[in-house]
Amino acid sequence: MGVINNNNRLLETNVLLDRFLTYREVFTEHFKTMKVIERGEALRYETYSRLADNYISNVHRFIKLCEDYITKYNLENSQLTEKLNDYLVEVIDAINCLDTEHNLIDHVKLEQARQRIHQKEIEFMNAIGLLAN
């Protein structure tokens, strides 16, 4: 029975990693869309405000997925949870580079956010790797 549970946990850890990579790509696409909006190449109704709402919605979906995994395997006080929280703080904070009232983007804040997110991604993936071993 223990082998089955360990196999299930490993499979679900792989699913979590796959979802992390998928959402990582989704968040990257949001950053690319910011530039498309800025250049005026986006659809007329696509604004930074709509983009921010969509971004936060995706963050919430990813958080829910992670919470389910963490709860199922009692990882509330683990290194994985700590690294995930660090990552999510940076992902959420990245939206602060947008001025939705004036439909402007702060490129310096955006680049700093992307660098911090990248560092936290690496730390989170390392934590998942430790868990899978």
N, C-alpha and C. Protein backbone atom coordinates (compact mmCIF):
# COMPACT_ATOMS: atom_id res chain seq x y z
N MET A 1 0.82 -1.20 0.00
CA MET A 1 0.00 0.00 0.00
C MET A 1 0.86 1.25 0.00
N GLY A 2 1.99 1.23 0.74
CA GLY A 2 2.87 2.39 0.81
C GLY A 2 3.49 2.72 -0.54
N VAL A 3 3.80 1.69 -1.33
CA VAL A 3 4.37 1.90 -2.65
C VAL A 3 3.37 2.59 -3.56
N ILE A 4 2.11 2.19 -3.47
CA ILE A 4 1.06 2.80 -4.28
C ILE A 4 0.91 4.27 -3.89
N ASN A 5 0.89 4.56 -2.59
CA ASN A 5 0.77 5.95 -2.15
C ASN A 5 1.95 6.78 -2.61
N ASN A 6 3.16 6.21 -2.52
CA ASN A 6 4.35 6.93 -2.97
C ASN A 6 4.30 7.16 -4.48
N ASN A 7 3.83 6.17 -5.23
CA ASN A 7 3.70 6.33 -6.68
C ASN A 7 2.68 7.41 -7.02
N ASN A 8 1.55 7.40 -6.29
CA ASN A 8 0.54 8.43 -6.52
C ASN A 8 1.09 9.81 -6.20
N ARG A 9 1.82 9.90 -5.10
CA ARG A 9 2.39 11.19 -4.73
C ARG A 9 3.39 11.67 -5.79
N LEU A 10 4.21 10.75 -6.28
CA LEU A 10 5.17 11.11 -7.31
C LEU A 10 4.44 11.57 -8.58
N LEU A 11 3.40 10.85 -8.96
CA LEU A 11 2.61 11.24 -10.14
C LEU A 11 1.97 12.61 -9.94
N GLU A 12 1.40 12.83 -8.76
CA GLU A 12 0.77 14.12 -8.49
C GLU A 12 1.80 15.24 -8.37
N THR A 13 2.99 14.92 -7.90
CA THR A 13 4.07 15.91 -7.87
C THR A 13 4.46 16.28 -9.29
N ASN A 14 4.52 15.30 -10.17
CA ASN A 14 4.81 15.56 -11.58
C ASN A 14 3.71 16.40 -12.22
N VAL A 15 2.47 16.15 -11.85
CA VAL A 15 1.35 16.95 -12.35
C VAL A 15 1.49 18.39 -11.85
N LEU A 16 1.83 18.55 -10.57
CA LEU A 16 2.03 19.90 -10.02
C LEU A 16 3.14 20.62 -10.77
N LEU A 17 4.23 19.95 -11.03
CA LEU A 17 5.34 20.55 -11.77
C LEU A 17 4.89 20.91 -13.19
N ASP A 18 4.14 20.04 -13.83
CA ASP A 18 3.63 20.32 -15.17
C ASP A 18 2.72 21.55 -15.16
N ARG A 19 1.84 21.64 -14.15
CA ARG A 19 0.95 22.81 -14.05
C ARG A 19 1.74 24.07 -13.76
N PHE A 20 2.77 23.94 -12.94
CA PHE A 20 3.64 25.08 -12.65
C PHE A 20 4.25 25.60 -13.95
N LEU A 21 4.77 24.69 -14.77
CA LEU A 21 5.39 25.09 -16.03
C LEU A 21 4.36 25.70 -16.98
N THR A 22 3.15 25.15 -16.97
CA THR A 22 2.09 25.69 -17.81
C THR A 22 1.73 27.10 -17.37
N TYR A 23 1.51 27.30 -16.07
CA TYR A 23 1.17 28.63 -15.58
C TYR A 23 2.34 29.60 -15.73
N ARG A 24 3.54 29.10 -15.61
CA ARG A 24 4.71 29.94 -15.84
C ARG A 24 4.66 30.51 -17.26
N GLU A 25 4.29 29.67 -18.20
CA GLU A 25 4.15 30.12 -19.58
C GLU A 25 2.99 31.11 -19.73
N VAL A 26 1.90 30.86 -19.03
CA VAL A 26 0.75 31.78 -19.06
C VAL A 26 1.18 33.15 -18.54
N PHE A 27 1.90 33.18 -17.43
CA PHE A 27 2.34 34.45 -16.86
C PHE A 27 3.30 35.16 -17.81
N THR A 28 4.16 34.41 -18.47
CA THR A 28 5.08 34.98 -19.45
C THR A 28 4.31 35.61 -20.60
N GLU A 29 3.25 34.95 -21.03
CA GLU A 29 2.42 35.50 -22.11
C GLU A 29 1.75 36.80 -21.68
N HIS A 30 1.39 36.91 -20.41
CA HIS A 30 0.82 38.17 -19.92
C HIS A 30 1.84 39.30 -20.07
N PHE A 31 3.10 39.01 -19.74
CA PHE A 31 4.13 40.03 -19.88
C PHE A 31 4.31 40.43 -21.35
N LYS A 32 4.23 39.45 -22.24
CA LYS A 32 4.34 39.75 -23.67
C LYS A 32 3.15 40.59 -24.13
N THR A 33 1.98 40.28 -23.61
CA THR A 33 0.78 41.03 -23.98
C THR A 33 0.88 42.48 -23.53
N MET A 34 1.54 42.71 -22.40
CA MET A 34 1.74 44.10 -21.95
C MET A 34 2.44 44.90 -23.04
N LYS A 35 3.44 44.32 -23.64
CA LYS A 35 4.19 45.02 -24.69
C LYS A 35 3.34 45.21 -25.94
N VAL A 36 2.50 44.23 -26.26
CA VAL A 36 1.62 44.34 -27.41
C VAL A 36 0.62 45.48 -27.20
N ILE A 37 0.09 45.58 -25.99
CA ILE A 37 -0.83 46.67 -25.68
C ILE A 37 -0.11 48.01 -25.80
N GLU A 38 1.09 48.06 -25.26
CA GLU A 38 1.85 49.31 -25.29
C GLU A 38 2.12 49.77 -26.72
N ARG A 39 2.41 48.85 -27.60
CA ARG A 39 2.68 49.19 -29.00
C ARG A 39 1.41 49.53 -29.77
N GLY A 40 0.26 49.31 -29.15
CA GLY A 40 -1.00 49.61 -29.82
C GLY A 40 -1.43 48.52 -30.79
N GLU A 41 -0.87 47.33 -30.63
CA GLU A 41 -1.17 46.23 -31.55
C GLU A 41 -2.22 45.27 -31.00
N ALA A 42 -2.71 45.54 -29.80
CA ALA A 42 -3.72 44.67 -29.19
C ALA A 42 -5.10 45.08 -29.68
N LEU A 43 -6.04 44.20 -29.47
CA LEU A 43 -7.42 44.54 -29.79
C LEU A 43 -7.84 45.76 -28.98
N ARG A 44 -8.77 46.52 -29.48
CA ARG A 44 -9.18 47.78 -28.86
C ARG A 44 -9.63 47.61 -27.41
N TYR A 45 -10.32 46.54 -27.10
CA TYR A 45 -10.83 46.35 -25.75
C TYR A 45 -9.78 45.80 -24.78
N GLU A 46 -8.63 45.40 -25.28
CA GLU A 46 -7.59 44.86 -24.41
C GLU A 46 -6.81 46.01 -23.78
N THR A 47 -6.98 46.14 -22.48
CA THR A 47 -6.30 47.20 -21.72
C THR A 47 -5.49 46.56 -20.61
N TYR A 48 -4.67 47.36 -19.98
CA TYR A 48 -3.90 46.85 -18.85
C TYR A 48 -4.82 46.41 -17.72
N SER A 49 -5.92 47.08 -17.57
CA SER A 49 -6.87 46.72 -16.52
C SER A 49 -7.44 45.31 -16.77
N ARG A 50 -7.87 45.05 -17.99
CA ARG A 50 -8.39 43.71 -18.33
C ARG A 50 -7.29 42.66 -18.20
N LEU A 51 -6.10 43.02 -18.65
CA LEU A 51 -4.98 42.10 -18.56
C LEU A 51 -4.66 41.77 -17.10
N ALA A 52 -4.67 42.79 -16.25
CA ALA A 52 -4.40 42.58 -14.82
C ALA A 52 -5.46 41.68 -14.20
N ASP A 53 -6.71 41.90 -14.54
CA ASP A 53 -7.79 41.06 -14.02
C ASP A 53 -7.60 39.60 -14.44
N ASN A 54 -7.27 39.40 -15.69
CA ASN A 54 -7.05 38.05 -16.22
C ASN A 54 -5.84 37.41 -15.55
N TYR A 55 -4.78 38.18 -15.37
CA TYR A 55 -3.55 37.71 -14.73
C TYR A 55 -3.85 37.22 -13.31
N ILE A 56 -4.55 38.06 -12.54
CA ILE A 56 -4.89 37.69 -11.16
C ILE A 56 -5.80 36.46 -11.13
N SER A 57 -6.69 36.36 -12.07
CA SER A 57 -7.55 35.19 -12.16
C SER A 57 -6.72 33.92 -12.37
N ASN A 58 -5.74 33.97 -13.23
CA ASN A 58 -4.85 32.83 -13.45
C ASN A 58 -4.02 32.52 -12.22
N VAL A 59 -3.57 33.54 -11.52
CA VAL A 59 -2.82 33.33 -10.28
C VAL A 59 -3.69 32.58 -9.27
N HIS A 60 -4.95 33.00 -9.14
CA HIS A 60 -5.86 32.35 -8.19
C HIS A 60 -6.09 30.88 -8.56
N ARG A 61 -6.22 30.58 -9.84
CA ARG A 61 -6.40 29.19 -10.27
C ARG A 61 -5.17 28.35 -9.90
N PHE A 62 -4.01 28.91 -10.13
CA PHE A 62 -2.78 28.18 -9.80
C PHE A 62 -2.65 27.99 -8.29
N ILE A 63 -2.99 29.01 -7.52
CA ILE A 63 -2.94 28.90 -6.06
C ILE A 63 -3.86 27.79 -5.57
N LYS A 64 -5.06 27.72 -6.12
CA LYS A 64 -6.02 26.68 -5.71
C LYS A 64 -5.45 25.29 -5.99
N LEU A 65 -4.87 25.10 -7.15
CA LEU A 65 -4.25 23.83 -7.50
C LEU A 65 -3.16 23.47 -6.50
N CYS A 66 -2.32 24.43 -6.17
CA CYS A 66 -1.21 24.20 -5.23
C CYS A 66 -1.73 23.92 -3.83
N GLU A 67 -2.74 24.67 -3.40
CA GLU A 67 -3.30 24.46 -2.07
C GLU A 67 -3.85 23.05 -1.93
N ASP A 68 -4.52 22.57 -2.96
CA ASP A 68 -5.06 21.20 -2.92
C ASP A 68 -3.95 20.18 -2.74
N TYR A 69 -2.87 20.34 -3.48
CA TYR A 69 -1.72 19.43 -3.38
C TYR A 69 -1.09 19.51 -1.99
N ILE A 70 -0.85 20.70 -1.52
CA ILE A 70 -0.20 20.91 -0.22
C ILE A 70 -1.04 20.32 0.90
N THR A 71 -2.33 20.53 0.86
CA THR A 71 -3.23 19.99 1.88
C THR A 71 -3.27 18.47 1.82
N LYS A 72 -3.38 17.92 0.62
CA LYS A 72 -3.48 16.47 0.46
C LYS A 72 -2.27 15.75 1.06
N TYR A 73 -1.09 16.35 0.91
CA TYR A 73 0.13 15.69 1.38
C TYR A 73 0.71 16.34 2.64
N ASN A 74 -0.11 17.11 3.33
CA ASN A 74 0.28 17.73 4.61
C ASN A 74 1.63 18.44 4.53
N LEU A 75 1.76 19.31 3.56
CA LEU A 75 3.03 20.02 3.33
C LEU A 75 2.96 21.48 3.76
N GLU A 76 2.04 21.80 4.65
CA GLU A 76 1.80 23.19 5.03
C GLU A 76 3.05 23.91 5.53
N ASN A 77 3.92 23.25 6.24
CA ASN A 77 5.10 23.89 6.82
C ASN A 77 6.39 23.38 6.16
N SER A 78 6.32 23.04 4.90
CA SER A 78 7.47 22.47 4.21
C SER A 78 8.25 23.54 3.44
N GLN A 79 9.43 23.14 3.01
CA GLN A 79 10.25 24.02 2.18
C GLN A 79 9.53 24.28 0.86
N LEU A 80 8.84 23.28 0.34
CA LEU A 80 8.09 23.45 -0.91
C LEU A 80 7.08 24.58 -0.76
N THR A 81 6.34 24.57 0.32
CA THR A 81 5.33 25.60 0.55
C THR A 81 5.97 26.97 0.70
N GLU A 82 7.08 27.02 1.40
CA GLU A 82 7.79 28.29 1.58
C GLU A 82 8.25 28.84 0.23
N LYS A 83 8.84 28.00 -0.60
CA LYS A 83 9.33 28.44 -1.91
C LYS A 83 8.18 28.80 -2.84
N LEU A 84 7.09 28.06 -2.74
CA LEU A 84 5.90 28.38 -3.52
C LEU A 84 5.35 29.74 -3.12
N ASN A 85 5.25 29.99 -1.83
CA ASN A 85 4.77 31.29 -1.36
C ASN A 85 5.67 32.42 -1.83
N ASP A 86 6.98 32.22 -1.75
CA ASP A 86 7.92 33.24 -2.23
C ASP A 86 7.70 33.53 -3.71
N TYR A 87 7.51 32.47 -4.47
CA TYR A 87 7.26 32.61 -5.91
C TYR A 87 5.96 33.38 -6.16
N LEU A 88 4.90 32.97 -5.47
CA LEU A 88 3.61 33.61 -5.70
C LEU A 88 3.60 35.08 -5.29
N VAL A 89 4.32 35.42 -4.24
CA VAL A 89 4.42 36.83 -3.83
C VAL A 89 5.02 37.64 -4.98
N GLU A 90 6.07 37.12 -5.59
CA GLU A 90 6.71 37.83 -6.70
C GLU A 90 5.80 37.90 -7.93
N VAL A 91 5.10 36.82 -8.21
CA VAL A 91 4.18 36.80 -9.36
C VAL A 91 3.08 37.83 -9.16
N ILE A 92 2.51 37.87 -7.97
CA ILE A 92 1.43 38.83 -7.69
C ILE A 92 1.97 40.25 -7.70
N ASP A 93 3.14 40.45 -7.12
CA ASP A 93 3.73 41.79 -7.05
C ASP A 93 4.07 42.33 -8.44
N ALA A 94 4.31 41.46 -9.39
CA ALA A 94 4.69 41.89 -10.75
C ALA A 94 3.63 42.76 -11.40
N ILE A 95 2.40 42.60 -11.01
CA ILE A 95 1.31 43.37 -11.62
C ILE A 95 1.41 44.85 -11.24
N ASN A 96 2.21 45.15 -10.21
CA ASN A 96 2.38 46.54 -9.78
C ASN A 96 3.14 47.39 -10.80
N CYS A 97 3.68 46.77 -11.84
CA CYS A 97 4.35 47.55 -12.87
C CYS A 97 3.35 48.23 -13.80
N LEU A 98 2.07 47.91 -13.64
CA LEU A 98 1.04 48.48 -14.49
C LEU A 98 0.32 49.63 -13.78
N ASP A 99 0.10 50.69 -14.50
CA ASP A 99 -0.75 51.79 -14.05
C ASP A 99 -2.04 51.67 -14.86
N THR A 100 -3.02 50.98 -14.27
CA THR A 100 -4.24 50.68 -15.02
C THR A 100 -5.10 51.92 -15.23
N GLU A 101 -4.95 52.92 -14.38
CA GLU A 101 -5.74 54.15 -14.55
C GLU A 101 -5.30 54.94 -15.77
N HIS A 102 -4.00 54.97 -16.01
CA HIS A 102 -3.46 55.73 -17.13
C HIS A 102 -3.01 54.85 -18.29
N ASN A 103 -3.22 53.55 -18.13
CA ASN A 103 -2.87 52.57 -19.16
C ASN A 103 -1.39 52.67 -19.55
N LEU A 104 -0.54 52.66 -18.50
CA LEU A 104 0.91 52.77 -18.69
C LEU A 104 1.62 51.60 -18.02
N ILE A 105 2.84 51.37 -18.46
CA ILE A 105 3.66 50.30 -17.89
C ILE A 105 5.00 50.89 -17.43
N ASP A 106 5.45 50.47 -16.27
CA ASP A 106 6.76 50.87 -15.75
C ASP A 106 7.75 49.77 -16.11
N HIS A 107 8.56 50.03 -17.12
CA HIS A 107 9.47 49.00 -17.65
C HIS A 107 10.54 48.59 -16.65
N VAL A 108 11.01 49.52 -15.84
CA VAL A 108 12.03 49.19 -14.84
C VAL A 108 11.44 48.21 -13.83
N LYS A 109 10.25 48.51 -13.32
CA LYS A 109 9.59 47.59 -12.37
C LYS A 109 9.31 46.24 -13.02
N LEU A 110 8.90 46.26 -14.27
CA LEU A 110 8.60 45.02 -14.98
C LEU A 110 9.85 44.14 -15.08
N GLU A 111 10.94 44.72 -15.48
CA GLU A 111 12.17 43.93 -15.63
C GLU A 111 12.66 43.42 -14.28
N GLN A 112 12.57 44.24 -13.25
CA GLN A 112 12.96 43.79 -11.91
C GLN A 112 12.07 42.64 -11.45
N ALA A 113 10.77 42.76 -11.70
CA ALA A 113 9.83 41.70 -11.33
C ALA A 113 10.14 40.41 -12.07
N ARG A 114 10.44 40.50 -13.34
CA ARG A 114 10.75 39.30 -14.12
C ARG A 114 12.00 38.61 -13.59
N GLN A 115 12.99 39.38 -13.20
CA GLN A 115 14.21 38.79 -12.64
C GLN A 115 13.93 38.11 -11.30
N ARG A 116 13.15 38.76 -10.45
CA ARG A 116 12.83 38.16 -9.14
C ARG A 116 11.99 36.90 -9.33
N ILE A 117 11.05 36.94 -10.25
CA ILE A 117 10.21 35.76 -10.53
C ILE A 117 11.09 34.62 -11.01
N HIS A 118 11.99 34.90 -11.91
CA HIS A 118 12.87 33.85 -12.44
C HIS A 118 13.67 33.19 -11.30
N GLN A 119 14.21 33.98 -10.40
CA GLN A 119 14.96 33.43 -9.27
C GLN A 119 14.07 32.54 -8.40
N LYS A 120 12.86 33.00 -8.14
CA LYS A 120 11.93 32.22 -7.30
C LYS A 120 11.46 30.97 -8.03
N GLU A 121 11.36 31.01 -9.35
CA GLU A 121 11.01 29.81 -10.12
C GLU A 121 12.07 28.72 -9.90
N ILE A 122 13.31 29.12 -9.98
CA ILE A 122 14.40 28.16 -9.79
C ILE A 122 14.35 27.56 -8.40
N GLU A 123 14.15 28.39 -7.39
CA GLU A 123 14.08 27.90 -6.01
C GLU A 123 12.91 26.95 -5.82
N PHE A 124 11.77 27.27 -6.42
CA PHE A 124 10.60 26.41 -6.30
C PHE A 124 10.83 25.07 -7.00
N MET A 125 11.41 25.10 -8.20
CA MET A 125 11.68 23.86 -8.92
C MET A 125 12.69 22.99 -8.17
N ASN A 126 13.66 23.60 -7.53
CA ASN A 126 14.59 22.84 -6.69
C ASN A 126 13.87 22.18 -5.54
N ALA A 127 12.93 22.89 -4.92
CA ALA A 127 12.16 22.33 -3.80
C ALA A 127 11.31 21.15 -4.28
N ILE A 128 10.72 21.27 -5.46
CA ILE A 128 9.94 20.14 -6.01
C ILE A 128 10.87 18.96 -6.27
N GLY A 129 12.06 19.25 -6.79
CA GLY A 129 13.04 18.19 -7.06
C GLY A 129 13.41 17.44 -5.81
N LEU A 130 13.59 18.16 -4.70
CA LEU A 130 13.91 17.51 -3.42
C LEU A 130 12.75 16.64 -2.95
N LEU A 131 11.55 17.10 -3.20
CA LEU A 131 10.36 16.36 -2.78
C LEU A 131 10.21 15.08 -3.59
N ALA A 132 10.56 15.13 -4.85
CA ALA A 132 10.39 13.97 -5.73
C ALA A 132 11.41 12.87 -5.47
N ASN A 133 12.51 13.21 -4.84
CA ASN A 133 13.55 12.21 -4.56
C ASN A 133 13.25 11.37 -3.36
